[in-house]
Amino acid sequence: MIFKDQNQKLKVARVLILAQLIFIVTNLIVFYQTKFQLVSNLISEAVIIEIVEPYIMMSIILSISVMVSFVLYCREKLIAAIGISFLVLTGQMIVQYYVER
């Protein structure tokens, strides 16, 4: 990807970091929504955790990658921040596709 100037890199990095934050929030919403909907004496806590475990793991991975991307963004290593954000978001979408299938 070829950027015209530094300002364009900043905008792309901001958008990707914001997208990661949005994915974290949606994963946590899915986690809590599933946990509260499956409240029953017939469904054990272990089954609920097994159902929502992929969303918890994705949120943890995204949280770590957001921190790394933000540190790189603050140090003006924009290409690295963009690359990490893009790779993690792509992986998130692929995993989410197979989890929800």
PDB file of N, CA and C in Angstrom:
ATOM      1  N   MET A   1       0.844  -1.159   0.000  1.00  0.00           N
ATOM      2  CA  MET A   1       0.000   0.000   0.000  1.00  0.00           C
ATOM      3  C   MET A   1       0.895   1.229   0.000  1.00  0.00           C
ATOM      4  N   ILE A   2       0.661   2.112  -0.935  1.00  0.00           N
ATOM      5  CA  ILE A   2       1.474   3.318  -1.048  1.00  0.00           C
ATOM      6  C   ILE A   2       0.669   4.494  -0.535  1.00  0.00           C
ATOM      7  N   PHE A   3       1.252   5.214   0.408  1.00  0.00           N
ATOM      8  CA  PHE A   3       0.590   6.375   0.993  1.00  0.00           C
ATOM      9  C   PHE A   3       1.181   7.637   0.391  1.00  0.00           C
ATOM     10  N   LYS A   4       0.332   8.620   0.175  1.00  0.00           N
ATOM     11  CA  LYS A   4       0.788   9.873  -0.419  1.00  0.00           C
ATOM     12  C   LYS A   4       1.584  10.730   0.561  1.00  0.00           C
ATOM     13  N   ASP A   5       1.123  10.750   1.802  1.00  0.00           N
ATOM     14  CA  ASP A   5       1.813  11.563   2.786  1.00  0.00           C
ATOM     15  C   ASP A   5       1.611  10.997   4.190  1.00  0.00           C
ATOM     16  N   GLN A   6       2.233  11.644   5.145  1.00  0.00           N
ATOM     17  CA  GLN A   6       2.171  11.209   6.540  1.00  0.00           C
ATOM     18  C   GLN A   6       0.756  11.316   7.094  1.00  0.00           C
ATOM     19  N   ASN A   7       0.016  12.333   6.679  1.00  0.00           N
ATOM     20  CA  ASN A   7      -1.346  12.537   7.162  1.00  0.00           C
ATOM     21  C   ASN A   7      -2.254  11.373   6.776  1.00  0.00           C
ATOM     22  N   GLN A   8      -2.058  10.833   5.601  1.00  0.00           N
ATOM     23  CA  GLN A   8      -2.861   9.691   5.160  1.00  0.00           C
ATOM     24  C   GLN A   8      -2.540   8.451   5.994  1.00  0.00           C
ATOM     25  N   LYS A   9      -1.277   8.253   6.332  1.00  0.00           N
ATOM     26  CA  LYS A   9      -0.894   7.139   7.204  1.00  0.00           C
ATOM     27  C   LYS A   9      -1.549   7.270   8.573  1.00  0.00           C
ATOM     28  N   LEU A  10      -1.565   8.495   9.111  1.00  0.00           N
ATOM     29  CA  LEU A  10      -2.191   8.733  10.405  1.00  0.00           C
ATOM     30  C   LEU A  10      -3.671   8.376  10.383  1.00  0.00           C
ATOM     31  N   LYS A  11      -4.364   8.772   9.323  1.00  0.00           N
ATOM     32  CA  LYS A  11      -5.790   8.493   9.224  1.00  0.00           C
ATOM     33  C   LYS A  11      -6.063   6.994   9.129  1.00  0.00           C
ATOM     34  N   VAL A  12      -5.277   6.288   8.329  1.00  0.00           N
ATOM     35  CA  VAL A  12      -5.468   4.843   8.183  1.00  0.00           C
ATOM     36  C   VAL A  12      -5.193   4.135   9.503  1.00  0.00           C
ATOM     37  N   ALA A  13      -4.135   4.537  10.201  1.00  0.00           N
ATOM     38  CA  ALA A  13      -3.803   3.926  11.497  1.00  0.00           C
ATOM     39  C   ALA A  13      -4.918   4.180  12.507  1.00  0.00           C
ATOM     40  N   ARG A  14      -5.458   5.385  12.537  1.00  0.00           N
ATOM     41  CA  ARG A  14      -6.561   5.692  13.460  1.00  0.00           C
ATOM     42  C   ARG A  14      -7.787   4.845  13.170  1.00  0.00           C
ATOM     43  N   VAL A  15      -8.127   4.710  11.899  1.00  0.00           N
ATOM     44  CA  VAL A  15      -9.311   3.936  11.517  1.00  0.00           C
ATOM     45  C   VAL A  15      -9.128   2.464  11.900  1.00  0.00           C
ATOM     46  N   LEU A  16      -7.955   1.905  11.663  1.00  0.00           N
ATOM     47  CA  LEU A  16      -7.726   0.502  12.005  1.00  0.00           C
ATOM     48  C   LEU A  16      -7.736   0.267  13.517  1.00  0.00           C
ATOM     49  N   ILE A  17      -7.170   1.183  14.278  1.00  0.00           N
ATOM     50  CA  ILE A  17      -7.206   1.052  15.737  1.00  0.00           C
ATOM     51  C   ILE A  17      -8.641   1.174  16.235  1.00  0.00           C
ATOM     52  N   LEU A  18      -9.403   2.095  15.669  1.00  0.00           N
ATOM     53  CA  LEU A  18     -10.811   2.232  16.035  1.00  0.00           C
ATOM     54  C   LEU A  18     -11.599   0.973  15.673  1.00  0.00           C
ATOM     55  N   ALA A  19     -11.298   0.380  14.527  1.00  0.00           N
ATOM     56  CA  ALA A  19     -11.970  -0.865  14.130  1.00  0.00           C
ATOM     57  C   ALA A  19     -11.659  -1.985  15.121  1.00  0.00           C
ATOM     58  N   GLN A  20     -10.424  -2.048  15.590  1.00  0.00           N
ATOM     59  CA  GLN A  20     -10.078  -3.061  16.591  1.00  0.00           C
ATOM     60  C   GLN A  20     -10.871  -2.841  17.877  1.00  0.00           C
ATOM     61  N   LEU A  21     -11.001  -1.601  18.302  1.00  0.00           N
ATOM     62  CA  LEU A  21     -11.765  -1.306  19.506  1.00  0.00           C
ATOM     63  C   LEU A  21     -13.234  -1.684  19.338  1.00  0.00           C
ATOM     64  N   ILE A  22     -13.781  -1.434  18.171  1.00  0.00           N
ATOM     65  CA  ILE A  22     -15.175  -1.800  17.898  1.00  0.00           C
ATOM     66  C   ILE A  22     -15.341  -3.313  17.951  1.00  0.00           C
ATOM     67  N   PHE A  23     -14.395  -4.061  17.395  1.00  0.00           N
ATOM     68  CA  PHE A  23     -14.468  -5.517  17.448  1.00  0.00           C
ATOM     69  C   PHE A  23     -14.378  -6.030  18.888  1.00  0.00           C
ATOM     70  N   ILE A  24     -13.559  -5.399  19.716  1.00  0.00           N
ATOM     71  CA  ILE A  24     -13.464  -5.807  21.117  1.00  0.00           C
ATOM     72  C   ILE A  24     -14.815  -5.619  21.801  1.00  0.00           C
ATOM     73  N   VAL A  25     -15.425  -4.465  21.591  1.00  0.00           N
ATOM     74  CA  VAL A  25     -16.718  -4.182  22.219  1.00  0.00           C
ATOM     75  C   VAL A  25     -17.782  -5.164  21.730  1.00  0.00           C
ATOM     76  N   THR A  26     -17.826  -5.445  20.434  1.00  0.00           N
ATOM     77  CA  THR A  26     -18.843  -6.379  19.929  1.00  0.00           C
ATOM     78  C   THR A  26     -18.617  -7.792  20.457  1.00  0.00           C
ATOM     79  N   ASN A  27     -17.373  -8.216  20.584  1.00  0.00           N
ATOM     80  CA  ASN A  27     -17.104  -9.543  21.153  1.00  0.00           C
ATOM     81  C   ASN A  27     -17.548  -9.627  22.606  1.00  0.00           C
ATOM     82  N   LEU A  28     -17.314  -8.563  23.360  1.00  0.00           N
ATOM     83  CA  LEU A  28     -17.747  -8.565  24.756  1.00  0.00           C
ATOM     84  C   LEU A  28     -19.268  -8.522  24.869  1.00  0.00           C
ATOM     85  N   ILE A  29     -19.931  -7.803  23.964  1.00  0.00           N
ATOM     86  CA  ILE A  29     -21.393  -7.787  23.944  1.00  0.00           C
ATOM     87  C   ILE A  29     -21.932  -9.179  23.646  1.00  0.00           C
ATOM     88  N   VAL A  30     -21.339  -9.867  22.676  1.00  0.00           N
ATOM     89  CA  VAL A  30     -21.768 -11.235  22.365  1.00  0.00           C
ATOM     90  C   VAL A  30     -21.557 -12.149  23.564  1.00  0.00           C
ATOM     91  N   PHE A  31     -20.436 -11.978  24.244  1.00  0.00           N
ATOM     92  CA  PHE A  31     -20.145 -12.789  25.428  1.00  0.00           C
ATOM     93  C   PHE A  31     -21.227 -12.607  26.496  1.00  0.00           C
ATOM     94  N   TYR A  32     -21.502 -11.359  26.872  1.00  0.00           N
ATOM     95  CA  TYR A  32     -22.482 -11.116  27.925  1.00  0.00           C
ATOM     96  C   TYR A  32     -23.899 -11.471  27.486  1.00  0.00           C
ATOM     97  N   GLN A  33     -24.231 -11.194  26.243  1.00  0.00           N
ATOM     98  CA  GLN A  33     -25.559 -11.533  25.745  1.00  0.00           C
ATOM     99  C   GLN A  33     -25.788 -13.041  25.785  1.00  0.00           C
ATOM    100  N   THR A  34     -24.810 -13.801  25.344  1.00  0.00           N
ATOM    101  CA  THR A  34     -24.931 -15.260  25.366  1.00  0.00           C
ATOM    102  C   THR A  34     -25.006 -15.766  26.800  1.00  0.00           C
ATOM    103  N   LYS A  35     -24.176 -15.219  27.659  1.00  0.00           N
ATOM    104  CA  LYS A  35     -24.156 -15.664  29.053  1.00  0.00           C
ATOM    105  C   LYS A  35     -25.493 -15.398  29.744  1.00  0.00           C
ATOM    106  N   PHE A  36     -26.096 -14.253  29.494  1.00  0.00           N
ATOM    107  CA  PHE A  36     -27.362 -13.924  30.144  1.00  0.00           C
ATOM    108  C   PHE A  36     -28.552 -14.638  29.517  1.00  0.00           C
ATOM    109  N   GLN A  37     -28.468 -14.993  28.245  1.00  0.00           N
ATOM    110  CA  GLN A  37     -29.573 -15.693  27.603  1.00  0.00           C
ATOM    111  C   GLN A  37     -29.600 -17.173  27.960  1.00  0.00           C
ATOM    112  N   LEU A  38     -28.469 -17.730  28.302  1.00  0.00           N
ATOM    113  CA  LEU A  38     -28.398 -19.154  28.605  1.00  0.00           C
ATOM    114  C   LEU A  38     -28.487 -19.446  30.100  1.00  0.00           C
ATOM    115  N   VAL A  39     -29.188 -18.613  30.834  1.00  0.00           N
ATOM    116  CA  VAL A  39     -29.368 -18.834  32.262  1.00  0.00           C
ATOM    117  C   VAL A  39     -30.458 -19.883  32.441  1.00  0.00           C
ATOM    118  N   SER A  40     -30.054 -21.044  32.907  1.00  0.00           N
ATOM    119  CA  SER A  40     -30.987 -22.140  33.124  1.00  0.00           C
ATOM    120  C   SER A  40     -30.328 -23.159  34.037  1.00  0.00           C
ATOM    121  N   ASN A  41     -31.153 -23.873  34.787  1.00  0.00           N
ATOM    122  CA  ASN A  41     -30.615 -24.939  35.629  1.00  0.00           C
ATOM    123  C   ASN A  41     -30.167 -26.133  34.800  1.00  0.00           C
ATOM    124  N   LEU A  42     -30.696 -26.241  33.584  1.00  0.00           N
ATOM    125  CA  LEU A  42     -30.355 -27.380  32.729  1.00  0.00           C
ATOM    126  C   LEU A  42     -29.032 -27.202  31.998  1.00  0.00           C
ATOM    127  N   ILE A  43     -28.584 -25.963  31.863  1.00  0.00           N
ATOM    128  CA  ILE A  43     -27.335 -25.681  31.150  1.00  0.00           C
ATOM    129  C   ILE A  43     -26.262 -25.340  32.181  1.00  0.00           C
ATOM    130  N   SER A  44     -25.216 -26.132  32.198  1.00  0.00           N
ATOM    131  CA  SER A  44     -24.161 -25.901  33.186  1.00  0.00           C
ATOM    132  C   SER A  44     -23.285 -24.718  32.781  1.00  0.00           C
ATOM    133  N   GLU A  45     -22.583 -24.203  33.757  1.00  0.00           N
ATOM    134  CA  GLU A  45     -21.683 -23.073  33.521  1.00  0.00           C
ATOM    135  C   GLU A  45     -20.555 -23.459  32.562  1.00  0.00           C
ATOM    136  N   ALA A  46     -20.115 -24.708  32.604  1.00  0.00           N
ATOM    137  CA  ALA A  46     -19.043 -25.180  31.721  1.00  0.00           C
ATOM    138  C   ALA A  46     -19.469 -25.134  30.257  1.00  0.00           C
ATOM    139  N   VAL A  47     -20.715 -25.452  29.981  1.00  0.00           N
ATOM    140  CA  VAL A  47     -21.214 -25.409  28.604  1.00  0.00           C
ATOM    141  C   VAL A  47     -21.277 -23.967  28.115  1.00  0.00           C
ATOM    142  N   ILE A  48     -21.716 -23.084  28.970  1.00  0.00           N
ATOM    143  CA  ILE A  48     -21.783 -21.665  28.594  1.00  0.00           C
ATOM    144  C   ILE A  48     -20.387 -21.132  28.300  1.00  0.00           C
ATOM    145  N   ILE A  49     -19.433 -21.480  29.141  1.00  0.00           N
ATOM    146  CA  ILE A  49     -18.056 -21.017  28.925  1.00  0.00           C
ATOM    147  C   ILE A  49     -17.490 -21.595  27.633  1.00  0.00           C
ATOM    148  N   GLU A  50     -17.802 -22.833  27.333  1.00  0.00           N
ATOM    149  CA  GLU A  50     -17.331 -23.445  26.093  1.00  0.00           C
ATOM    150  C   GLU A  50     -17.917 -22.740  24.874  1.00  0.00           C
ATOM    151  N   ILE A  51     -19.147 -22.284  24.969  1.00  0.00           N
ATOM    152  CA  ILE A  51     -19.791 -21.588  23.858  1.00  0.00           C
ATOM    153  C   ILE A  51     -19.168 -20.213  23.632  1.00  0.00           C
ATOM    154  N   VAL A  52     -18.882 -19.487  24.701  1.00  0.00           N
ATOM    155  CA  VAL A  52     -18.394 -18.121  24.569  1.00  0.00           C
ATOM    156  C   VAL A  52     -16.868 -18.005  24.605  1.00  0.00           C
ATOM    157  N   GLU A  53     -16.174 -19.091  24.792  1.00  0.00           N
ATOM    158  CA  GLU A  53     -14.710 -19.047  24.879  1.00  0.00           C
ATOM    159  C   GLU A  53     -14.035 -18.439  23.647  1.00  0.00           C
ATOM    160  N   PRO A  54     -14.474 -18.752  22.414  1.00  0.00           N
ATOM    161  CA  PRO A  54     -13.810 -18.116  21.259  1.00  0.00           C
ATOM    162  C   PRO A  54     -13.912 -16.593  21.270  1.00  0.00           C
ATOM    163  N   TYR A  55     -15.036 -16.066  21.742  1.00  0.00           N
ATOM    164  CA  TYR A  55     -15.198 -14.613  21.788  1.00  0.00           C
ATOM    165  C   TYR A  55     -14.310 -13.985  22.851  1.00  0.00           C
ATOM    166  N   ILE A  56     -14.125 -14.687  23.959  1.00  0.00           N
ATOM    167  CA  ILE A  56     -13.225 -14.185  24.998  1.00  0.00           C
ATOM    168  C   ILE A  56     -11.793 -14.165  24.477  1.00  0.00           C
ATOM    169  N   MET A  57     -11.381 -15.236  23.822  1.00  0.00           N
ATOM    170  CA  MET A  57     -10.012 -15.312  23.298  1.00  0.00           C
ATOM    171  C   MET A  57      -9.778 -14.243  22.232  1.00  0.00           C
ATOM    172  N   MET A  58     -10.758 -14.033  21.349  1.00  0.00           N
ATOM    173  CA  MET A  58     -10.610 -13.000  20.321  1.00  0.00           C
ATOM    174  C   MET A  58     -10.494 -11.616  20.955  1.00  0.00           C
ATOM    175  N   SER A  59     -11.256 -11.375  22.021  1.00  0.00           N
ATOM    176  CA  SER A  59     -11.188 -10.078  22.695  1.00  0.00           C
ATOM    177  C   SER A  59      -9.827  -9.875  23.355  1.00  0.00           C
ATOM    178  N   ILE A  60      -9.277 -10.921  23.940  1.00  0.00           N
ATOM    179  CA  ILE A  60      -7.958 -10.813  24.566  1.00  0.00           C
ATOM    180  C   ILE A  60      -6.888 -10.528  23.519  1.00  0.00           C
ATOM    181  N   ILE A  61      -6.929 -11.265  22.419  1.00  0.00           N
ATOM    182  CA  ILE A  61      -5.946 -11.052  21.346  1.00  0.00           C
ATOM    183  C   ILE A  61      -6.072  -9.652  20.767  1.00  0.00           C
ATOM    184  N   LEU A  62      -7.299  -9.206  20.533  1.00  0.00           N
ATOM    185  CA  LEU A  62      -7.504  -7.861  20.011  1.00  0.00           C
ATOM    186  C   LEU A  62      -7.053  -6.791  21.004  1.00  0.00           C
ATOM    187  N   SER A  63      -7.269  -7.019  22.280  1.00  0.00           N
ATOM    188  CA  SER A  63      -6.844  -6.042  23.288  1.00  0.00           C
ATOM    189  C   SER A  63      -5.328  -5.873  23.288  1.00  0.00           C
ATOM    190  N   ILE A  64      -4.631  -6.993  23.205  1.00  0.00           N
ATOM    191  CA  ILE A  64      -3.166  -6.930  23.154  1.00  0.00           C
ATOM    192  C   ILE A  64      -2.701  -6.229  21.883  1.00  0.00           C
ATOM    193  N   SER A  65      -3.322  -6.562  20.760  1.00  0.00           N
ATOM    194  CA  SER A  65      -2.907  -5.943  19.498  1.00  0.00           C
ATOM    195  C   SER A  65      -3.244  -4.459  19.452  1.00  0.00           C
ATOM    196  N   VAL A  66      -4.340  -4.046  20.086  1.00  0.00           N
ATOM    197  CA  VAL A  66      -4.655  -2.614  20.151  1.00  0.00           C
ATOM    198  C   VAL A  66      -3.588  -1.875  20.948  1.00  0.00           C
ATOM    199  N   MET A  67      -3.162  -2.468  22.054  1.00  0.00           N
ATOM    200  CA  MET A  67      -2.120  -1.820  22.857  1.00  0.00           C
ATOM    201  C   MET A  67      -0.820  -1.682  22.058  1.00  0.00           C
ATOM    202  N   VAL A  68      -0.446  -2.755  21.368  1.00  0.00           N
ATOM    203  CA  VAL A  68       0.780  -2.717  20.561  1.00  0.00           C
ATOM    204  C   VAL A  68       0.635  -1.695  19.434  1.00  0.00           C
ATOM    205  N   SER A  69      -0.488  -1.716  18.751  1.00  0.00           N
ATOM    206  CA  SER A  69      -0.718  -0.769  17.654  1.00  0.00           C
ATOM    207  C   SER A  69      -0.716   0.669  18.155  1.00  0.00           C
ATOM    208  N   PHE A  70      -1.315   0.901  19.321  1.00  0.00           N
ATOM    209  CA  PHE A  70      -1.356   2.254  19.857  1.00  0.00           C
ATOM    210  C   PHE A  70       0.029   2.745  20.254  1.00  0.00           C
ATOM    211  N   VAL A  71       0.830   1.869  20.834  1.00  0.00           N
ATOM    212  CA  VAL A  71       2.206   2.254  21.180  1.00  0.00           C
ATOM    213  C   VAL A  71       2.992   2.586  19.915  1.00  0.00           C
ATOM    214  N   LEU A  72       2.842   1.757  18.893  1.00  0.00           N
ATOM    215  CA  LEU A  72       3.523   2.043  17.622  1.00  0.00           C
ATOM    216  C   LEU A  72       3.008   3.339  17.000  1.00  0.00           C
ATOM    217  N   TYR A  73       1.718   3.575  17.118  1.00  0.00           N
ATOM    218  CA  TYR A  73       1.120   4.807  16.592  1.00  0.00           C
ATOM    219  C   TYR A  73       1.702   6.025  17.315  1.00  0.00           C
ATOM    220  N   CYS A  74       1.811   5.941  18.625  1.00  0.00           N
ATOM    221  CA  CYS A  74       2.356   7.060  19.405  1.00  0.00           C
ATOM    222  C   CYS A  74       3.830   7.306  19.098  1.00  0.00           C
ATOM    223  N   ARG A  75       4.556   6.262  18.780  1.00  0.00           N
ATOM    224  CA  ARG A  75       5.976   6.408  18.431  1.00  0.00           C
ATOM    225  C   ARG A  75       6.179   6.704  16.948  1.00  0.00           C
ATOM    226  N   GLU A  76       5.064   6.916  16.244  1.00  0.00           N
ATOM    227  CA  GLU A  76       5.050   7.252  14.821  1.00  0.00           C
ATOM    228  C   GLU A  76       5.656   6.158  13.946  1.00  0.00           C
ATOM    229  N   LYS A  77       5.500   4.922  14.359  1.00  0.00           N
ATOM    230  CA  LYS A  77       5.833   3.760  13.524  1.00  0.00           C
ATOM    231  C   LYS A  77       4.527   3.335  12.846  1.00  0.00           C
ATOM    232  N   LEU A  78       4.056   4.178  11.948  1.00  0.00           N
ATOM    233  CA  LEU A  78       2.706   4.037  11.414  1.00  0.00           C
ATOM    234  C   LEU A  78       2.543   2.811  10.523  1.00  0.00           C
ATOM    235  N   ILE A  79       3.543   2.503   9.725  1.00  0.00           N
ATOM    236  CA  ILE A  79       3.438   1.334   8.846  1.00  0.00           C
ATOM    237  C   ILE A  79       3.341   0.063   9.679  1.00  0.00           C
ATOM    238  N   ALA A  80       4.109  -0.024  10.757  1.00  0.00           N
ATOM    239  CA  ALA A  80       4.037  -1.195  11.637  1.00  0.00           C
ATOM    240  C   ALA A  80       2.672  -1.270  12.322  1.00  0.00           C
ATOM    241  N   ALA A  81       2.165  -0.131  12.788  1.00  0.00           N
ATOM    242  CA  ALA A  81       0.842  -0.104  13.429  1.00  0.00           C
ATOM    243  C   ALA A  81      -0.242  -0.514  12.454  1.00  0.00           C
ATOM    244  N   ILE A  82      -0.164  -0.036  11.229  1.00  0.00           N
ATOM    245  CA  ILE A  82      -1.142  -0.388  10.196  1.00  0.00           C
ATOM    246  C   ILE A  82      -1.048  -1.874   9.870  1.00  0.00           C
ATOM    247  N   GLY A  83       0.166  -2.382   9.727  1.00  0.00           N
ATOM    248  CA  GLY A  83       0.355  -3.791   9.393  1.00  0.00           C
ATOM    249  C   GLY A  83      -0.179  -4.720  10.466  1.00  0.00           C
ATOM    250  N   ILE A  84       0.155  -4.445  11.724  1.00  0.00           N
ATOM    251  CA  ILE A  84      -0.320  -5.293  12.818  1.00  0.00           C
ATOM    252  C   ILE A  84      -1.840  -5.223  12.924  1.00  0.00           C
ATOM    253  N   SER A  85      -2.386  -4.026  12.854  1.00  0.00           N
ATOM    254  CA  SER A  85      -3.841  -3.876  12.946  1.00  0.00           C
ATOM    255  C   SER A  85      -4.539  -4.614  11.820  1.00  0.00           C
ATOM    256  N   PHE A  86      -4.022  -4.466  10.616  1.00  0.00           N
ATOM    257  CA  PHE A  86      -4.640  -5.117   9.460  1.00  0.00           C
ATOM    258  C   PHE A  86      -4.581  -6.636   9.585  1.00  0.00           C
ATOM    259  N   LEU A  87      -3.424  -7.167   9.971  1.00  0.00           N
ATOM    260  CA  LEU A  87      -3.296  -8.621  10.107  1.00  0.00           C
ATOM    261  C   LEU A  87      -4.211  -9.181  11.196  1.00  0.00           C
ATOM    262  N   VAL A  88      -4.271  -8.504  12.326  1.00  0.00           N
ATOM    263  CA  VAL A  88      -5.106  -8.993  13.422  1.00  0.00           C
ATOM    264  C   VAL A  88      -6.585  -8.887  13.066  1.00  0.00           C
ATOM    265  N   LEU A  89      -6.994  -7.808  12.428  1.00  0.00           N
ATOM    266  CA  LEU A  89      -8.400  -7.675  12.026  1.00  0.00           C
ATOM    267  C   LEU A  89      -8.784  -8.709  10.978  1.00  0.00           C
ATOM    268  N   THR A  90      -7.894  -8.995  10.058  1.00  0.00           N
ATOM    269  CA  THR A  90      -8.165 -10.022   9.056  1.00  0.00           C
ATOM    270  C   THR A  90      -8.293 -11.388   9.724  1.00  0.00           C
ATOM    271  N   GLY A  91      -7.390 -11.692  10.636  1.00  0.00           N
ATOM    272  CA  GLY A  91      -7.476 -12.946  11.377  1.00  0.00           C
ATOM    273  C   GLY A  91      -8.748 -13.033  12.195  1.00  0.00           C
ATOM    274  N   GLN A  92      -9.142 -11.925  12.805  1.00  0.00           N
ATOM    275  CA  GLN A  92     -10.376 -11.874  13.592  1.00  0.00           C
ATOM    276  C   GLN A  92     -11.583 -12.201  12.713  1.00  0.00           C
ATOM    277  N   MET A  93     -11.631 -11.626  11.546  1.00  0.00           N
ATOM    278  CA  MET A  93     -12.771 -11.876  10.654  1.00  0.00           C
ATOM    279  C   MET A  93     -12.808 -13.323  10.175  1.00  0.00           C
ATOM    280  N   ILE A  94     -11.656 -13.895   9.900  1.00  0.00           N
ATOM    281  CA  ILE A  94     -11.603 -15.295   9.463  1.00  0.00           C
ATOM    282  C   ILE A  94     -12.047 -16.220  10.591  1.00  0.00           C
ATOM    283  N   VAL A  95     -11.528 -15.996  11.792  1.00  0.00           N
ATOM    284  CA  VAL A  95     -11.909 -16.832  12.936  1.00  0.00           C
ATOM    285  C   VAL A  95     -13.393 -16.675  13.242  1.00  0.00           C
ATOM    286  N   GLN A  96     -13.884 -15.452  13.211  1.00  0.00           N
ATOM    287  CA  GLN A  96     -15.300 -15.214  13.497  1.00  0.00           C
ATOM    288  C   GLN A  96     -16.195 -15.886  12.464  1.00  0.00           C
ATOM    289  N   TYR A  97     -15.762 -15.917  11.225  1.00  0.00           N
ATOM    290  CA  TYR A  97     -16.534 -16.592  10.184  1.00  0.00           C
ATOM    291  C   TYR A  97     -16.676 -18.081  10.497  1.00  0.00           C
ATOM    292  N   TYR A  98     -15.583 -18.715  10.911  1.00  0.00           N
ATOM    293  CA  TYR A  98     -15.628 -20.153  11.193  1.00  0.00           C
ATOM    294  C   TYR A  98     -16.308 -20.454  12.529  1.00  0.00           C
ATOM    295  N   VAL A  99     -16.239 -19.551  13.494  1.00  0.00           N
ATOM    296  CA  VAL A  99     -16.894 -19.773  14.780  1.00  0.00           C
ATOM    297  C   VAL A  99     -18.420 -19.683  14.627  1.00  0.00           C
ATOM    298  N   GLU A 100     -18.871 -18.727  13.854  1.00  0.00           N
ATOM    299  CA  GLU A 100     -20.309 -18.507  13.715  1.00  0.00           C
ATOM    300  C   GLU A 100     -20.950 -19.388  12.647  1.00  0.00           C
ATOM    301  N   ARG A 101     -20.189 -20.193  12.025  1.00  0.00           N
ATOM    302  CA  ARG A 101     -20.694 -21.072  10.975  1.00  0.00           C
ATOM    303  C   ARG A 101     -21.419 -22.220  11.505  1.00  0.00           C
TER     304      ARG A 101
END
